[in-house]
């Protein structure tokens, strides 16, 4: 368990800083570039992401799982790595050629931005994060990424000055992603030995990769689909509004997905070693913990949106208030889906349930988008996302119920929704009481009182119910206090 806590610490640090950086860059870019230019960036990136998606197939999850299952055997690990990466090279080369054809024959506007987006495919070409994740070597990925991301943030603030600098912003963002992946190669020779693999050792990875790829593709497509369809059916301005609101929602989702990324190799290892009792106990605790966090964030973001969005993005982004409030509901739904998907369906190789859930979700998203985007623009896309996520989540819950008491665990999370509702009431009450005061003072008061209400009520609830998480936290605090006195 110590390695999980250590890796979770690295991932949490990374996600906290990744959360802080958009808080710096998003309002700056909203004012400097504007909704229309951000819409162009969002649309062209969504198109490039289709090619990245097909270049990586399901390698990031499949590679993590495969490396984790053989991490104790250096020879076998090397052969597995070389076989998977050889397949990755082949698929990326094909997709690079396909994207070049798209630029030449189909891209009619914003061609320079679309061309720069091809750097994202290059980043996929050298992506070996899955090797580090499978070996639970999160420190290396986190430290390198942090340095590059901090440098790229500084570059954005220094170099992006007008709407015409969209190409500079695009190059900085995608170039930093590529550099992060390139730096990881320095340690690869110490983790694996490069060996020649036969075509059979490459081809054997195709079928399980495609099995994982289908749901990943469906999930990614209906995440990308909103931005693509807004750019085609609506306009770049609506695409920019949606992109901005979605950016707020992705801040807490980064922390939650980071938790699942850390846990995935450990769950795969427990399943392969048939330690099912420990696995079930860890899954139940993980689901309840992440759902509690998601409840508070969902209600908190919905509550502060009226004051936060105009303050954060500036004038001209009022449509983002309602968008943010609708999309905040997705946080809790996606949290449940993420937990079941990455801590049960993938480790236990139940991809067919994963596939059915996201294919249904993608289909619902497509239909709702086609019906609502023409008249409702970005709000239609937000409703489509909400409907799709809910459908996929319900299917995954039903599947996991056969192995775990998911319904019981979710029922135990209802008090956290009640606490979230109290947080919402406290925040809105604070806003009414401080009406007319400077917005920064209102936001600070809303956030502070909301956090105090959430923490206080949670502590009382845990005390009354004897929640084991409370005991574990108290033991950790006592241990740190004891260590401090010993060192002193």
Protein backbone atom coordinates (compact mmCIF):
# COMPACT_ATOMS: atom_id res chain seq x y z
CA UNK A 1 0.00 0.00 0.00
CA UNK A 2 2.92 2.38 0.63
CA UNK A 3 3.72 2.47 -3.10
CA UNK A 4 0.10 3.36 -3.89
CA UNK A 5 0.22 6.24 -1.40
CA UNK A 6 3.56 7.42 -2.74
CA UNK A 7 2.42 7.26 -6.37
CA UNK A 8 -0.88 8.87 -5.46
CA UNK A 9 1.13 11.66 -3.81
CA UNK A 10 3.13 12.23 -7.01
CA UNK A 11 0.00 12.13 -9.16
CA UNK A 12 -1.90 14.40 -6.79
CA UNK A 13 0.95 16.93 -6.79
CA UNK A 14 1.00 16.84 -10.57
CA UNK A 15 -2.77 17.24 -10.86
CA UNK A 16 -2.85 20.07 -8.30
CA UNK A 17 -0.27 21.99 -10.33
CA UNK A 18 -2.06 21.11 -13.58
CA UNK A 19 -5.19 22.44 -11.90
CA UNK A 20 -3.42 25.67 -10.93
CA UNK A 21 -1.95 26.34 -14.39
CA UNK A 22 -5.29 26.72 -16.23
CA UNK A 23 -6.36 29.07 -13.46
CA UNK A 24 -3.45 31.25 -14.64
CA UNK A 25 -3.68 30.72 -18.41
CA UNK A 26 -7.42 30.30 -19.09
CA UNK A 27 -8.51 33.84 -18.07
CA UNK A 28 -5.49 35.30 -19.84
CA UNK A 29 -6.23 33.41 -23.08
CA UNK A 30 -9.95 34.17 -22.86
CA UNK A 31 -9.13 37.87 -22.89
CA UNK A 32 -6.19 37.84 -25.33
CA UNK A 33 -7.42 35.31 -27.92
CA UNK A 34 -11.20 35.56 -27.47
CA UNK A 35 -13.96 32.97 -27.84
CA UNK A 36 -13.70 32.77 -31.65
CA UNK A 37 -9.96 31.97 -31.71
CA UNK A 38 -10.34 29.48 -28.85
CA UNK A 39 -13.14 27.89 -30.88
CA UNK A 40 -10.78 27.49 -33.86
CA UNK A 41 -8.18 25.89 -31.59
CA UNK A 42 -10.79 23.59 -30.05
CA UNK A 43 -12.16 22.51 -33.45
CA UNK A 44 -8.79 21.86 -35.12
CA UNK A 45 -7.52 20.00 -32.07
CA UNK A 46 -10.63 17.83 -32.03
CA UNK A 47 -9.96 16.81 -35.65
CA UNK A 48 -6.28 16.03 -34.96
CA UNK A 49 -7.30 14.00 -31.91
CA UNK A 50 -9.18 11.53 -34.10
CA UNK A 51 -5.88 10.64 -35.79
CA UNK A 52 -4.04 10.49 -32.45
CA UNK A 53 -6.78 8.21 -31.17
CA UNK A 54 -6.31 5.73 -34.00
CA UNK A 55 -2.52 5.91 -33.76
CA UNK A 56 -2.49 4.81 -30.12
CA UNK A 57 -5.48 2.44 -30.29
CA UNK A 58 -5.87 1.10 -26.74
CA UNK A 59 -2.14 1.03 -26.08
CA UNK A 60 -2.06 3.33 -23.05
CA UNK A 61 -4.40 1.10 -21.03
CA UNK A 62 -3.41 -2.17 -22.63
CA UNK A 63 0.30 -1.38 -22.28
CA UNK A 64 -0.10 -0.42 -18.61
CA UNK A 65 -1.96 -3.65 -17.86
CA UNK A 66 0.46 -5.82 -19.86
CA UNK A 67 3.62 -4.35 -18.30
CA UNK A 68 2.10 -4.55 -14.81
CA UNK A 69 1.39 -8.28 -15.26
CA UNK A 70 5.07 -9.06 -16.14
CA UNK A 71 6.91 -6.35 -14.24
CA UNK A 72 8.82 -8.87 -12.10
CA UNK A 73 10.36 -10.59 -15.14
CA UNK A 74 12.87 -8.34 -16.96
CA UNK A 75 13.17 -10.54 -20.05
CA UNK A 76 9.46 -10.98 -20.52
CA UNK A 77 8.87 -7.30 -19.80
CA UNK A 78 11.35 -6.36 -22.54
CA UNK A 79 9.69 -8.58 -25.11
CA UNK A 80 6.24 -7.31 -24.23
CA UNK A 81 7.41 -3.69 -24.44
CA UNK A 82 9.16 -4.14 -27.79
CA UNK A 83 6.17 -5.96 -29.28
CA UNK A 84 3.67 -3.33 -28.16
CA UNK A 85 5.85 -0.39 -29.15
CA UNK A 86 6.55 -1.86 -32.60
CA UNK A 87 2.80 -2.01 -33.16
CA UNK A 88 2.50 1.60 -31.91
CA UNK A 89 5.09 2.76 -34.46
CA UNK A 90 3.18 1.10 -37.31
CA UNK A 91 -0.20 2.55 -36.39
CA UNK A 92 1.25 6.04 -35.81
CA UNK A 93 2.97 6.09 -39.20
CA UNK A 94 -0.28 5.15 -40.93
CA UNK A 95 -2.19 7.86 -39.08
CA UNK A 96 0.49 10.46 -39.83
CA UNK A 97 0.09 9.74 -43.55
CA UNK A 98 -3.70 9.93 -43.21
CA UNK A 99 -3.53 13.31 -41.43
CA UNK A 100 -1.20 14.64 -44.14
CA UNK A 101 -3.83 13.65 -46.71
CA UNK A 102 -6.51 15.44 -44.68
CA UNK A 103 -4.42 18.65 -44.63
CA UNK A 104 -3.76 18.48 -48.38
CA UNK A 105 -7.19 17.51 -49.70
CA UNK A 106 -9.88 18.27 -47.12
CA UNK A 107 -8.76 21.14 -44.86
CA UNK A 108 -10.08 24.35 -46.41
CA UNK A 109 -9.57 26.92 -43.61
CA UNK A 110 -7.28 27.46 -40.62
CA UNK A 111 -4.75 25.25 -42.40
CA UNK A 112 -1.73 26.62 -40.50
CA UNK A 113 -3.31 25.79 -37.12
CA UNK A 114 -4.36 22.36 -38.41
CA UNK A 115 -0.79 21.74 -39.61
CA UNK A 116 0.68 22.65 -36.21
CA UNK A 117 -1.80 20.25 -34.58
CA UNK A 118 0.10 17.43 -36.34
CA UNK A 119 2.73 17.78 -33.59
CA UNK A 120 0.22 15.94 -31.38
CA UNK A 121 0.60 12.88 -33.62
CA UNK A 122 4.39 13.13 -33.25
CA UNK A 123 3.88 13.12 -29.48
CA UNK A 124 1.88 9.90 -29.84
CA UNK A 125 4.73 8.42 -31.91
CA UNK A 126 7.13 8.66 -28.92
CA UNK A 127 4.62 8.10 -26.11
CA UNK A 128 5.87 5.47 -23.62
CA UNK A 129 4.01 6.67 -20.54
CA UNK A 130 2.34 3.26 -20.35
CA UNK A 131 5.70 1.62 -19.57
CA UNK A 132 6.20 3.90 -16.56
CA UNK A 133 2.62 3.45 -15.40
CA UNK A 134 2.85 -0.34 -15.63
CA UNK A 135 5.99 -0.29 -13.47
CA UNK A 136 4.36 2.24 -11.12
CA UNK A 137 7.18 4.71 -11.82
CA UNK A 138 5.08 7.84 -11.49
CA UNK A 139 7.79 10.08 -10.05
CA UNK A 140 9.71 10.23 -13.34
CA UNK A 141 6.65 11.12 -15.42
CA UNK A 142 5.46 13.70 -12.92
CA UNK A 143 8.76 15.59 -12.44
CA UNK A 144 9.54 15.88 -16.14
CA UNK A 145 6.00 16.89 -17.03
CA UNK A 146 5.89 19.51 -14.31
CA UNK A 147 9.09 21.19 -15.47
CA UNK A 148 7.95 21.28 -19.10
CA UNK A 149 4.41 22.45 -18.27
CA UNK A 150 5.66 25.26 -16.05
CA UNK A 151 8.04 26.38 -18.80
CA UNK A 152 5.27 26.25 -21.43
CA UNK A 153 2.96 28.29 -19.19
CA UNK A 154 5.63 30.98 -18.89
CA UNK A 155 6.09 30.90 -22.67
CA UNK A 156 2.35 31.40 -23.24
CA UNK A 157 2.23 34.42 -20.94
CA UNK A 158 5.32 35.96 -22.56
CA UNK A 159 4.71 35.23 -26.25
CA UNK A 160 0.92 35.17 -26.78
CA UNK A 161 -0.20 38.80 -26.94
CA UNK A 162 -2.93 39.16 -29.61
CA UNK A 163 -5.59 37.02 -31.35
CA UNK A 164 -3.13 36.60 -34.25
CA UNK A 165 -0.82 34.66 -31.90
CA UNK A 166 -3.10 31.61 -31.93
CA UNK A 167 -0.46 29.70 -33.91
CA UNK A 168 2.15 30.46 -31.23
CA UNK A 169 -0.18 29.21 -28.48
CA UNK A 170 -0.92 26.04 -30.44
CA UNK A 171 2.76 25.36 -31.05
CA UNK A 172 3.68 25.90 -27.39
CA UNK A 173 0.95 23.59 -26.05
CA UNK A 174 1.57 20.75 -28.48
CA UNK A 175 5.34 21.18 -28.44
CA UNK A 176 5.36 20.83 -24.66
CA UNK A 177 3.37 17.58 -24.90
CA UNK A 178 5.89 16.24 -27.40
CA UNK A 179 8.85 17.28 -25.24
CA UNK A 180 7.35 15.58 -22.16
CA UNK A 181 7.16 12.29 -24.04
CA UNK A 182 10.64 12.68 -25.52
CA UNK A 183 12.28 13.23 -22.11
CA UNK A 184 10.92 9.92 -20.79
CA UNK A 185 13.07 7.98 -23.24
CA UNK A 186 16.22 8.74 -21.22
CA UNK A 187 15.32 6.05 -18.66
CA UNK A 188 13.77 3.47 -20.97
CA UNK A 189 17.06 1.54 -21.57
CA UNK A 190 17.28 0.90 -17.81
CA UNK A 191 13.76 -0.49 -17.69
CA UNK A 192 13.83 -2.80 -20.70
CA UNK A 193 16.29 -4.33 -23.13
CA UNK A 194 15.60 -3.60 -26.80
CA UNK A 195 15.14 -6.94 -28.51
CA UNK A 196 14.11 -7.96 -31.99
CA UNK A 197 10.57 -9.27 -32.02
CA UNK A 198 8.92 -11.46 -34.63
CA UNK A 199 5.82 -10.39 -36.58
CA UNK A 200 3.85 -12.88 -34.47
CA UNK A 201 4.96 -11.12 -31.26
CA UNK A 202 3.69 -7.84 -32.71
CA UNK A 203 0.47 -9.18 -34.18
CA UNK A 204 -0.53 -10.95 -30.96
CA UNK A 205 -1.14 -7.54 -29.39
CA UNK A 206 -3.54 -6.34 -32.09
CA UNK A 207 -6.70 -8.18 -31.03
CA UNK A 208 -6.62 -7.28 -27.30
CA UNK A 209 -5.68 -3.72 -28.27
CA UNK A 210 -8.62 -3.42 -30.62
CA UNK A 211 -10.91 -4.82 -27.93
CA UNK A 212 -9.75 -2.04 -25.60
CA UNK A 213 -9.66 0.50 -28.43
CA UNK A 214 -13.35 0.22 -29.33
CA UNK A 215 -14.62 1.62 -26.02
CA UNK A 216 -11.74 4.11 -25.78
CA UNK A 217 -12.56 5.27 -29.31
CA UNK A 218 -16.26 5.54 -28.55
CA UNK A 219 -15.55 7.39 -25.29
CA UNK A 220 -13.02 9.72 -26.91
CA UNK A 221 -15.16 10.32 -29.98
CA UNK A 222 -18.13 11.44 -27.95
CA UNK A 223 -15.85 13.73 -25.95
CA UNK A 224 -14.28 15.10 -29.12
CA UNK A 225 -17.55 14.93 -31.05
CA UNK A 226 -19.08 17.88 -29.19
CA UNK A 227 -16.31 20.23 -30.23
CA UNK A 228 -16.20 18.91 -33.82
CA UNK A 229 -19.97 19.14 -34.31
CA UNK A 230 -20.09 22.62 -32.78
CA UNK A 231 -17.43 23.73 -35.28
CA UNK A 232 -19.38 22.22 -38.19
CA UNK A 233 -23.06 22.69 -37.26
CA UNK A 234 -22.86 25.83 -35.10
CA UNK A 235 -19.96 28.32 -35.11
CA UNK A 236 -16.50 28.84 -33.63
CA UNK A 237 -17.88 31.18 -30.95
CA UNK A 238 -20.16 28.48 -29.49
CA UNK A 239 -17.26 26.06 -29.75
CA UNK A 240 -15.16 28.53 -27.76
CA UNK A 241 -17.83 28.84 -25.04
CA UNK A 242 -18.08 25.08 -24.73
CA UNK A 243 -14.28 24.71 -24.71
CA UNK A 244 -14.01 27.26 -21.90
CA UNK A 245 -16.73 25.72 -19.71
CA UNK A 246 -15.35 22.25 -20.33
CA UNK A 247 -11.93 23.50 -19.19
CA UNK A 248 -13.36 24.34 -15.76
CA UNK A 249 -14.92 20.88 -15.43
CA UNK A 250 -11.72 19.16 -16.50
CA UNK A 251 -9.77 20.68 -13.61
CA UNK A 252 -11.24 18.39 -10.89
CA UNK A 253 -11.61 15.52 -13.36
CA UNK A 254 -7.84 15.58 -13.80
CA UNK A 255 -7.38 14.79 -10.12
CA UNK A 256 -9.98 12.01 -10.19
CA UNK A 257 -8.60 10.41 -13.37
CA UNK A 258 -5.09 10.69 -11.90
CA UNK A 259 -6.26 8.62 -8.93
CA UNK A 260 -7.58 5.90 -11.27
CA UNK A 261 -4.33 5.96 -13.26
CA UNK A 262 -2.33 5.31 -10.09
CA UNK A 263 -4.64 2.54 -8.91
CA UNK A 264 -4.97 0.65 -12.24
CA UNK A 265 -1.62 -1.24 -12.14
CA UNK A 266 -2.17 -2.26 -8.50
CA UNK A 267 -5.65 -3.58 -9.26
CA UNK A 268 -4.33 -5.48 -12.30
CA UNK A 269 -1.63 -6.98 -10.11
CA UNK A 270 -4.12 -8.03 -7.37
CA UNK A 271 -6.37 -9.69 -9.94
CA UNK A 272 -3.46 -11.57 -11.58
CA UNK A 273 -2.35 -12.77 -8.11
CA UNK A 274 -5.95 -13.78 -7.26
CA UNK A 275 -6.01 -11.62 -4.08
CA UNK A 276 -9.70 -10.93 -4.55
CA UNK A 277 -10.65 -10.10 -0.94
CA UNK A 278 -8.09 -7.30 -0.79
CA UNK A 279 -9.18 -6.22 -4.26
CA UNK A 280 -12.88 -5.94 -3.28
CA UNK A 281 -12.07 -4.06 -0.08
CA UNK A 282 -9.86 -1.57 -1.93
CA UNK A 283 -12.45 -1.07 -4.69
CA UNK A 284 -15.25 -0.32 -2.20
CA UNK A 285 -13.13 2.21 -0.32
CA UNK A 286 -11.93 3.82 -3.54
CA UNK A 287 -15.48 4.22 -4.90
CA UNK A 288 -16.78 5.85 -1.72
CA UNK A 289 -13.78 8.19 -1.40
CA UNK A 290 -13.85 9.47 -4.99
CA UNK A 291 -17.66 9.84 -4.96
CA UNK A 292 -17.50 11.94 -1.78
CA UNK A 293 -14.94 14.25 -3.38
CA UNK A 294 -16.97 14.41 -6.63
CA UNK A 295 -20.21 15.31 -4.79
CA UNK A 296 -18.59 18.29 -3.10
CA UNK A 297 -16.93 19.51 -6.30
CA UNK A 298 -20.12 19.10 -8.36
CA UNK A 299 -22.24 21.18 -6.00
CA UNK A 300 -19.41 23.62 -5.32
CA UNK A 301 -18.74 24.45 -8.98
CA UNK A 302 -22.46 24.78 -9.75
CA UNK A 303 -22.81 27.14 -6.77
CA UNK A 304 -19.96 29.55 -7.56
CA UNK A 305 -20.43 29.58 -11.37
CA UNK A 306 -22.47 32.84 -11.41
CA UNK A 307 -19.66 34.82 -9.82
CA UNK A 308 -16.66 32.76 -10.93
CA UNK A 309 -17.22 32.58 -14.71
CA UNK A 310 -17.45 36.36 -15.39
CA UNK A 311 -14.52 36.96 -13.04
CA UNK A 312 -12.43 34.15 -14.54
CA UNK A 313 -13.05 34.61 -18.27
CA UNK A 314 -14.00 38.28 -18.39
CA UNK A 315 -16.72 40.08 -20.32
CA UNK A 316 -18.41 38.26 -23.18
CA UNK A 317 -18.48 34.78 -21.63
CA UNK A 318 -21.89 34.91 -19.90
CA UNK A 319 -23.15 31.80 -21.80
CA UNK A 320 -20.48 29.81 -19.94
CA UNK A 321 -22.33 30.24 -16.62
CA UNK A 322 -25.23 27.95 -17.53
CA UNK A 323 -22.88 25.63 -19.44
CA UNK A 324 -20.67 25.22 -16.38
CA UNK A 325 -23.65 24.51 -14.14
CA UNK A 326 -24.98 21.82 -16.48
CA UNK A 327 -21.57 20.23 -17.07
CA UNK A 328 -20.79 20.19 -13.34
CA UNK A 329 -23.27 17.30 -13.01
CA UNK A 330 -21.00 15.30 -15.31
CA UNK A 331 -18.25 15.29 -12.65
CA UNK A 332 -20.08 12.92 -10.30
CA UNK A 333 -21.34 10.70 -13.13
CA UNK A 334 -17.88 10.43 -14.70
CA UNK A 335 -16.30 9.72 -11.33
CA UNK A 336 -18.46 6.63 -10.86
CA UNK A 337 -17.75 5.53 -14.44
CA UNK A 338 -13.99 6.12 -14.10
CA UNK A 339 -13.81 4.09 -10.90
CA UNK A 340 -15.73 1.12 -12.28
CA UNK A 341 -13.97 1.26 -15.64
CA UNK A 342 -10.36 1.50 -14.51
CA UNK A 343 -10.63 -0.42 -11.25
CA UNK A 344 -12.93 -3.25 -12.32
CA UNK A 345 -13.68 -3.62 -16.03
CA UNK A 346 -10.12 -3.18 -17.33
CA UNK A 347 -8.20 -5.08 -14.59
CA UNK A 348 -10.70 -7.97 -14.77
CA UNK A 349 -10.62 -7.94 -18.61
CA UNK A 350 -14.37 -7.37 -18.94
CA UNK A 351 -13.97 -5.11 -21.94
CA UNK A 352 -17.21 -6.22 -23.62
CA UNK A 353 -19.24 -4.45 -20.91
CA UNK A 354 -16.99 -1.42 -21.23
CA UNK A 355 -17.55 -1.47 -25.00
CA UNK A 356 -21.33 -1.76 -24.79
CA UNK A 357 -21.58 1.12 -22.30
CA UNK A 358 -19.53 3.63 -24.26
CA UNK A 359 -20.96 2.65 -27.64
CA UNK A 360 -24.45 3.29 -26.27
CA UNK A 361 -23.21 6.56 -24.77
CA UNK A 362 -21.61 7.65 -28.04
CA UNK A 363 -24.79 6.86 -29.96
CA UNK A 364 -26.93 8.87 -27.53
CA UNK A 365 -24.49 11.77 -27.69
CA UNK A 366 -24.59 11.81 -31.49
CA UNK A 367 -28.39 11.79 -31.63
CA UNK A 368 -28.82 14.46 -28.94
CA UNK A 369 -26.15 16.67 -30.55
CA UNK A 370 -27.84 16.43 -33.96
CA UNK A 371 -31.19 17.36 -32.40
CA UNK A 372 -30.08 20.14 -30.06
CA UNK A 373 -26.89 21.80 -31.39
CA UNK A 374 -28.54 23.48 -34.44
CA UNK A 375 -30.97 25.43 -32.19
CA UNK A 376 -29.18 25.51 -28.84
CA UNK A 377 -25.49 25.62 -29.79
CA UNK A 378 -23.12 24.89 -26.92
CA UNK A 379 -25.96 24.13 -24.47
CA UNK A 380 -27.18 21.37 -26.81
CA UNK A 381 -23.70 19.83 -26.74
CA UNK A 382 -23.63 20.05 -22.92
CA UNK A 383 -26.99 18.26 -22.63
CA UNK A 384 -25.75 15.61 -25.09
CA UNK A 385 -22.65 15.00 -22.97
CA UNK A 386 -24.73 14.71 -19.79
CA UNK A 387 -27.14 12.20 -21.37
CA UNK A 388 -24.29 10.13 -22.82
CA UNK A 389 -22.30 9.99 -19.59
CA UNK A 390 -25.37 9.00 -17.58
CA UNK A 391 -26.27 6.17 -19.96
CA UNK A 392 -22.73 4.77 -20.00
CA UNK A 393 -22.50 5.02 -16.20
CA UNK A 394 -25.76 3.11 -15.60
CA UNK A 395 -24.65 0.24 -17.83
CA UNK A 396 -21.28 -0.01 -16.05
CA UNK A 397 -22.92 0.08 -12.59
CA UNK A 398 -25.21 -2.77 -13.58
CA UNK A 399 -22.24 -4.82 -14.79
CA UNK A 400 -20.14 -4.20 -11.66
CA UNK A 401 -23.08 -5.07 -9.42
CA UNK A 402 -22.54 -8.75 -10.30
CA UNK A 403 -19.11 -8.68 -8.61
CA UNK A 404 -19.40 -5.94 -6.01
CA UNK A 405 -22.15 -4.38 -3.95
CA UNK A 406 -21.93 -1.22 -6.01
CA UNK A 407 -25.52 -0.22 -5.28
CA UNK A 408 -24.77 -0.47 -1.54
CA UNK A 409 -21.59 1.58 -1.92
CA UNK A 410 -23.42 4.25 -3.93
CA UNK A 411 -26.24 4.28 -1.38
CA UNK A 412 -23.63 4.99 1.29
CA UNK A 413 -22.59 8.02 -0.77
CA UNK A 414 -26.04 9.65 -0.51
CA UNK A 415 -25.08 11.53 2.69
CA UNK A 416 -22.23 13.12 0.74
CA UNK A 417 -24.78 14.40 -1.80
CA UNK A 418 -26.69 15.87 1.13
CA UNK A 419 -23.52 17.57 2.34
CA UNK A 420 -22.96 18.81 -1.21
CA UNK A 421 -26.46 20.33 -1.22
CA UNK A 422 -25.64 22.12 2.05
CA UNK A 423 -22.43 23.45 0.46
CA UNK A 424 -24.52 24.77 -2.45
CA UNK A 425 -26.93 26.48 -0.04
CA UNK A 426 -24.11 28.00 2.00
CA UNK A 427 -22.40 29.36 -1.12
CA UNK A 428 -25.57 30.85 -2.61
CA UNK A 429 -26.54 32.30 0.78
CA UNK A 430 -23.11 33.92 1.03
CA UNK A 431 -23.52 35.40 -2.46
CA UNK A 432 -26.88 36.92 -1.53
CA UNK A 433 -25.56 38.28 1.77
CA UNK A 434 -22.52 39.87 0.09
CA UNK A 435 -24.37 41.19 -2.97
CA UNK A 436 -22.75 44.38 -4.20
CA UNK A 437 -19.35 43.63 -2.66
CA UNK A 438 -16.19 43.20 -4.81
CA UNK A 439 -16.41 39.90 -6.70
CA UNK A 440 -13.03 38.65 -5.44
CA UNK A 441 -14.20 39.09 -1.84
CA UNK A 442 -17.45 37.27 -2.61
CA UNK A 443 -15.61 34.37 -4.27
CA UNK A 444 -13.15 34.01 -1.39
CA UNK A 445 -15.98 34.02 1.14
CA UNK A 446 -18.02 31.53 -0.91
CA UNK A 447 -15.07 29.16 -1.30
CA UNK A 448 -13.91 29.43 2.31
CA UNK A 449 -17.34 28.92 3.85
CA UNK A 450 -18.17 26.13 1.38
CA UNK A 451 -14.98 24.24 2.25
CA UNK A 452 -15.55 24.74 5.98
CA UNK A 453 -19.13 23.48 5.69
CA UNK A 454 -18.04 20.43 3.67
CA UNK A 455 -15.13 19.49 5.95
CA UNK A 456 -17.09 20.12 9.15
CA UNK A 457 -20.14 18.09 8.12
CA UNK A 458 -17.95 15.28 6.77
CA UNK A 459 -16.02 15.08 10.05
CA UNK A 460 -19.29 14.91 12.01
CA UNK A 461 -20.71 12.27 9.66
CA UNK A 462 -17.57 10.12 9.86
CA UNK A 463 -17.53 10.43 13.65
CA UNK A 464 -21.16 9.38 13.99
CA UNK A 465 -20.83 6.43 11.59
CA UNK A 466 -17.35 5.26 12.63
CA UNK A 467 -16.13 5.51 9.05
CA UNK A 468 -12.83 3.55 8.63
CA UNK A 469 -11.44 6.36 6.46
CA UNK A 470 -11.54 8.66 9.49
CA UNK A 471 -9.60 6.15 11.55
CA UNK A 472 -7.00 5.74 8.81
CA UNK A 473 -6.52 9.51 8.50
CA UNK A 474 -6.17 9.88 12.28
CA UNK A 475 -3.63 7.05 12.41
CA UNK A 476 -1.62 8.76 9.67
CA UNK A 477 -1.70 12.09 11.52
CA UNK A 478 -0.61 10.43 14.78
CA UNK A 479 2.22 8.66 12.97
CA UNK A 480 3.44 11.93 11.43
CA UNK A 481 3.22 13.65 14.82
CA UNK A 482 5.20 10.83 16.42
CA UNK A 483 7.85 11.01 13.65
CA UNK A 484 8.09 14.78 14.16
CA UNK A 485 8.69 14.40 17.92
CA UNK A 486 11.31 11.70 17.31
CA UNK A 487 13.20 13.91 14.85
CA UNK A 488 12.85 16.88 17.20
